[in-house]
Amino acid sequence: MSDKPMMTRLTDSHDQDREFDIEFWQRQGDTAIAAAAWEMVVLHAAQRGISEDQLRLQRSVARIRRVRRVYGADLEQGH
């Protein structure tokens, strides 16, 4: 038998409660959540004809600068 936790729920189409889903994924842990998310990315890419080796995480770089006001004038902090 598998070591994975097993959870089941019977519901009808009118039941929109998300508590079961939230509890299920919280029990899985961060690693399982990340693996499931990556699996969905790979499946989506495959449907679009993109191979898994072309996928990578997107990296963005941003510069955030704080401006403070002193007596009505804008001064860049640190300059």
Protein backbone atom coordinates (compact mmCIF):
# COMPACT_ATOMS: atom_id res chain seq x y z
CA MET A 1 0.00 0.00 0.00
CA SER A 2 1.17 3.56 -0.70
CA ASP A 3 2.53 5.88 1.99
CA LYS A 4 0.59 8.78 0.46
CA PRO A 5 -2.35 10.07 2.52
CA MET A 6 -5.76 9.14 1.16
CA MET A 7 -8.73 11.49 1.38
CA THR A 8 -12.14 11.12 -0.25
CA ARG A 9 -15.27 13.23 -0.35
CA LEU A 10 -18.70 12.66 -1.84
CA THR A 11 -20.31 15.79 -3.20
CA ASP A 12 -22.89 17.02 -5.67
CA SER A 13 -22.45 19.69 -8.31
CA HIS A 14 -23.95 22.35 -6.01
CA ASP A 15 -21.30 21.94 -3.32
CA GLN A 16 -18.74 24.70 -3.86
CA ASP A 17 -17.00 24.41 -0.47
CA ARG A 18 -13.21 24.57 -0.86
CA GLU A 19 -12.30 23.50 2.67
CA PHE A 20 -11.66 19.91 1.55
CA ASP A 21 -9.30 21.07 -1.21
CA ILE A 22 -7.42 23.38 1.12
CA GLU A 23 -7.01 20.70 3.79
CA PHE A 24 -5.91 18.14 1.18
CA TRP A 25 -3.15 20.34 -0.23
CA GLN A 26 -2.00 21.50 3.19
CA ARG A 27 -1.51 17.84 4.17
CA GLN A 28 0.55 17.23 1.02
CA GLY A 29 3.26 19.75 1.89
CA ASP A 30 5.27 22.26 -0.11
CA THR A 31 7.26 19.74 -2.15
CA ALA A 32 4.15 17.92 -3.37
CA ILE A 33 2.41 21.21 -4.18
CA ALA A 34 5.39 22.40 -6.23
CA ALA A 35 5.61 19.04 -8.03
CA ALA A 36 1.90 19.13 -8.88
CA ALA A 37 2.17 22.70 -10.16
CA TRP A 38 5.17 21.80 -12.33
CA GLU A 39 3.31 18.75 -13.67
CA MET A 40 0.46 21.03 -14.77
CA VAL A 41 2.94 23.35 -16.50
CA VAL A 42 4.49 20.39 -18.36
CA LEU A 43 1.07 19.02 -19.40
CA HIS A 44 -0.04 22.45 -20.63
CA ALA A 45 3.17 22.91 -22.59
CA ALA A 46 2.81 19.45 -24.14
CA GLN A 47 -0.69 20.35 -25.35
CA ARG A 48 0.83 23.36 -27.08
CA GLY A 49 3.64 21.34 -28.66
CA ILE A 50 6.37 22.67 -26.33
CA SER A 51 8.85 20.12 -25.02
CA GLU A 52 9.67 19.94 -21.31
CA ASP A 53 13.34 20.78 -21.88
CA GLN A 54 12.31 24.20 -23.24
CA LEU A 55 10.56 25.13 -20.00
CA ARG A 56 12.25 27.22 -17.33
CA LEU A 57 11.25 29.60 -14.60
CA GLN A 58 10.99 33.20 -15.70
CA ARG A 59 13.37 35.58 -13.99
CA SER A 60 12.60 39.26 -13.67
CA VAL A 61 14.79 41.98 -12.24
CA ALA A 62 13.39 45.19 -10.89
CA ARG A 63 14.93 48.16 -9.13
CA ILE A 64 12.88 49.69 -6.38
CA ARG A 65 13.88 53.09 -5.14
CA ARG A 66 12.42 54.94 -2.20
CA VAL A 67 11.76 58.64 -2.58
CA ARG A 68 11.23 60.71 0.52
CA ARG A 69 9.95 64.25 0.83
CA VAL A 70 11.83 66.83 2.84
CA TYR A 71 10.24 70.28 3.10
CA GLY A 72 8.32 69.77 -0.13
CA ALA A 73 11.32 68.62 -2.20
CA ASP A 74 11.84 65.06 -3.48
CA LEU A 75 15.15 63.57 -2.39
CA GLU A 76 16.36 60.14 -3.40
CA GLN A 77 17.33 58.17 -0.34
CA GLY A 78 21.02 57.33 -0.26
CA HIS A 79 22.15 60.11 -2.61
